[in-house]
Amino acid sequence: MIGSEVKKLVLDSGLKLWQVAERWGLTDGNFSRRLRKPFNESEVERIKEIIVDIKLEQAGADNEQ
């Protein structure tokens, strides 16, 4: 998957790139640079897992309020 597809995946999920970068252990600048190159399957799966985790945390926080 190319970087622009990964970026679209993150943004379409309603998250910000920095949120995924932080969870992945990168700065937002390094993640943005990483988007310039293709991602392998395991990296894409990891990003999808991060998106799900963050969304679940957000949903849990919303339910507590």
N, C-alpha and C. Protein backbone atom coordinates (compact mmCIF):
# COMPACT_ATOMS: atom_id res chain seq x y z
N MET A 1 0.86 -1.17 0.00
CA MET A 1 0.00 0.00 0.00
C MET A 1 0.91 1.23 0.00
N ILE A 2 0.58 2.16 -0.86
CA ILE A 2 1.41 3.36 -0.92
C ILE A 2 1.00 4.34 0.18
N GLY A 3 1.88 5.29 0.43
CA GLY A 3 1.68 6.22 1.53
C GLY A 3 0.38 7.01 1.47
N SER A 4 -0.01 7.43 0.27
CA SER A 4 -1.24 8.21 0.16
C SER A 4 -2.46 7.36 0.52
N GLU A 5 -2.40 6.06 0.26
CA GLU A 5 -3.50 5.18 0.64
C GLU A 5 -3.56 5.01 2.16
N VAL A 6 -2.39 4.91 2.78
CA VAL A 6 -2.33 4.81 4.24
C VAL A 6 -2.86 6.10 4.86
N LYS A 7 -2.46 7.21 4.31
CA LYS A 7 -2.93 8.51 4.82
C LYS A 7 -4.44 8.60 4.71
N LYS A 8 -5.00 8.18 3.58
CA LYS A 8 -6.45 8.19 3.38
C LYS A 8 -7.12 7.26 4.38
N LEU A 9 -6.54 6.10 4.62
CA LEU A 9 -7.08 5.15 5.58
C LEU A 9 -7.20 5.78 6.97
N VAL A 10 -6.16 6.47 7.38
CA VAL A 10 -6.16 7.11 8.70
C VAL A 10 -7.18 8.24 8.75
N LEU A 11 -7.16 9.10 7.76
CA LEU A 11 -8.05 10.26 7.77
C LEU A 11 -9.51 9.85 7.63
N ASP A 12 -9.79 8.82 6.82
CA ASP A 12 -11.16 8.34 6.66
C ASP A 12 -11.71 7.73 7.95
N SER A 13 -10.81 7.29 8.82
CA SER A 13 -11.23 6.72 10.09
C SER A 13 -11.63 7.81 11.10
N GLY A 14 -11.35 9.06 10.75
CA GLY A 14 -11.67 10.16 11.63
C GLY A 14 -10.55 10.53 12.58
N LEU A 15 -9.41 9.88 12.41
CA LEU A 15 -8.26 10.17 13.27
C LEU A 15 -7.30 11.12 12.59
N LYS A 16 -6.40 11.64 13.36
CA LYS A 16 -5.33 12.49 12.85
C LYS A 16 -4.08 11.64 12.67
N LEU A 17 -3.25 12.03 11.73
CA LEU A 17 -2.01 11.29 11.48
C LEU A 17 -1.12 11.23 12.72
N TRP A 18 -1.09 12.32 13.47
CA TRP A 18 -0.22 12.35 14.65
C TRP A 18 -0.65 11.32 15.69
N GLN A 19 -1.96 11.03 15.77
CA GLN A 19 -2.44 10.05 16.74
C GLN A 19 -1.91 8.65 16.42
N VAL A 20 -1.94 8.30 15.15
CA VAL A 20 -1.42 7.00 14.72
C VAL A 20 0.09 6.97 14.88
N ALA A 21 0.75 8.06 14.50
CA ALA A 21 2.21 8.13 14.63
C ALA A 21 2.64 7.94 16.08
N GLU A 22 1.97 8.62 16.98
CA GLU A 22 2.32 8.54 18.40
C GLU A 22 2.18 7.11 18.91
N ARG A 23 1.10 6.46 18.53
CA ARG A 23 0.86 5.09 18.99
C ARG A 23 1.88 4.12 18.38
N TRP A 24 2.34 4.45 17.17
CA TRP A 24 3.31 3.59 16.48
C TRP A 24 4.73 3.83 16.99
N GLY A 25 4.90 4.90 17.76
CA GLY A 25 6.21 5.20 18.33
C GLY A 25 7.04 6.13 17.47
N LEU A 26 6.37 6.89 16.62
CA LEU A 26 7.06 7.85 15.75
C LEU A 26 6.58 9.27 16.06
N THR A 27 7.42 10.24 15.72
CA THR A 27 6.94 11.61 15.76
C THR A 27 6.07 11.84 14.54
N ASP A 28 5.24 12.87 14.58
CA ASP A 28 4.39 13.11 13.42
C ASP A 28 5.21 13.44 12.18
N GLY A 29 6.33 14.10 12.36
CA GLY A 29 7.20 14.42 11.21
C GLY A 29 7.82 13.18 10.60
N ASN A 30 8.27 12.27 11.45
CA ASN A 30 8.85 11.03 10.93
C ASN A 30 7.78 10.18 10.24
N PHE A 31 6.57 10.16 10.79
CA PHE A 31 5.49 9.41 10.16
C PHE A 31 5.15 10.02 8.80
N SER A 32 5.13 11.34 8.72
CA SER A 32 4.85 12.00 7.44
C SER A 32 5.90 11.66 6.41
N ARG A 33 7.16 11.62 6.84
CA ARG A 33 8.23 11.21 5.91
C ARG A 33 8.08 9.75 5.52
N ARG A 34 7.64 8.93 6.47
CA ARG A 34 7.44 7.50 6.20
C ARG A 34 6.37 7.28 5.14
N LEU A 35 5.40 8.20 5.07
CA LEU A 35 4.32 8.09 4.09
C LEU A 35 4.80 8.26 2.65
N ARG A 36 6.03 8.66 2.47
CA ARG A 36 6.57 8.85 1.12
C ARG A 36 6.94 7.53 0.45
N LYS A 37 7.01 6.46 1.23
CA LYS A 37 7.41 5.16 0.69
C LYS A 37 6.30 4.14 0.91
N PRO A 38 6.28 3.09 0.09
CA PRO A 38 5.24 2.06 0.26
C PRO A 38 5.36 1.34 1.61
N PHE A 39 4.23 0.89 2.10
CA PHE A 39 4.16 0.13 3.34
C PHE A 39 3.97 -1.35 3.00
N ASN A 40 4.63 -2.22 3.76
CA ASN A 40 4.42 -3.64 3.53
C ASN A 40 3.16 -4.08 4.26
N GLU A 41 2.76 -5.33 4.03
CA GLU A 41 1.50 -5.83 4.60
C GLU A 41 1.46 -5.76 6.11
N SER A 42 2.56 -6.12 6.75
CA SER A 42 2.56 -6.13 8.22
C SER A 42 2.45 -4.71 8.78
N GLU A 43 3.04 -3.75 8.11
CA GLU A 43 2.93 -2.36 8.56
C GLU A 43 1.49 -1.85 8.41
N VAL A 44 0.86 -2.22 7.31
CA VAL A 44 -0.53 -1.81 7.09
C VAL A 44 -1.44 -2.44 8.14
N GLU A 45 -1.22 -3.71 8.43
CA GLU A 45 -2.01 -4.39 9.46
C GLU A 45 -1.82 -3.72 10.82
N ARG A 46 -0.58 -3.35 11.13
CA ARG A 46 -0.30 -2.67 12.40
C ARG A 46 -1.04 -1.33 12.47
N ILE A 47 -1.04 -0.59 11.38
CA ILE A 47 -1.73 0.70 11.35
C ILE A 47 -3.23 0.49 11.54
N LYS A 48 -3.79 -0.54 10.89
CA LYS A 48 -5.21 -0.84 11.06
C LYS A 48 -5.52 -1.19 12.52
N GLU A 49 -4.64 -1.95 13.15
CA GLU A 49 -4.82 -2.30 14.56
C GLU A 49 -4.78 -1.06 15.45
N ILE A 50 -3.86 -0.16 15.15
CA ILE A 50 -3.75 1.09 15.90
C ILE A 50 -5.03 1.91 15.76
N ILE A 51 -5.55 1.99 14.55
CA ILE A 51 -6.78 2.74 14.31
C ILE A 51 -7.92 2.17 15.14
N VAL A 52 -8.06 0.85 15.12
CA VAL A 52 -9.13 0.20 15.88
C VAL A 52 -8.95 0.46 17.37
N ASP A 53 -7.72 0.33 17.87
CA ASP A 53 -7.45 0.55 19.29
C ASP A 53 -7.82 1.97 19.71
N ILE A 54 -7.41 2.94 18.94
CA ILE A 54 -7.70 4.33 19.28
C ILE A 54 -9.20 4.60 19.24
N LYS A 55 -9.87 4.07 18.21
CA LYS A 55 -11.31 4.27 18.09
C LYS A 55 -12.04 3.64 19.28
N LEU A 56 -11.60 2.45 19.71
CA LEU A 56 -12.22 1.80 20.87
C LEU A 56 -12.01 2.61 22.14
N GLU A 57 -10.81 3.16 22.30
CA GLU A 57 -10.52 4.01 23.46
C GLU A 57 -11.40 5.25 23.45
N GLN A 58 -11.56 5.84 22.28
CA GLN A 58 -12.40 7.04 22.17
C GLN A 58 -13.86 6.71 22.49
N ALA A 59 -14.32 5.56 22.01
CA ALA A 59 -15.70 5.15 22.27
C ALA A 59 -15.89 4.89 23.76
N GLY A 60 -14.89 4.29 24.40
CA GLY A 60 -14.96 4.05 25.84
C GLY A 60 -14.98 5.34 26.62
N ALA A 61 -14.20 6.31 26.20
CA ALA A 61 -14.17 7.61 26.86
C ALA A 61 -15.50 8.33 26.70
N ASP A 62 -16.10 8.18 25.53
CA ASP A 62 -17.40 8.81 25.28
C ASP A 62 -18.47 8.20 26.16
N ASN A 63 -18.39 6.89 26.39
CA ASN A 63 -19.39 6.20 27.21
C ASN A 63 -19.27 6.57 28.68
N GLU A 64 -18.09 6.97 29.12
CA GLU A 64 -17.88 7.33 30.52
C GLU A 64 -18.45 8.70 30.84
N GLN A 65 -18.63 9.52 29.84
CA GLN A 65 -19.09 10.89 30.07
C GLN A 65 -20.57 10.96 30.21
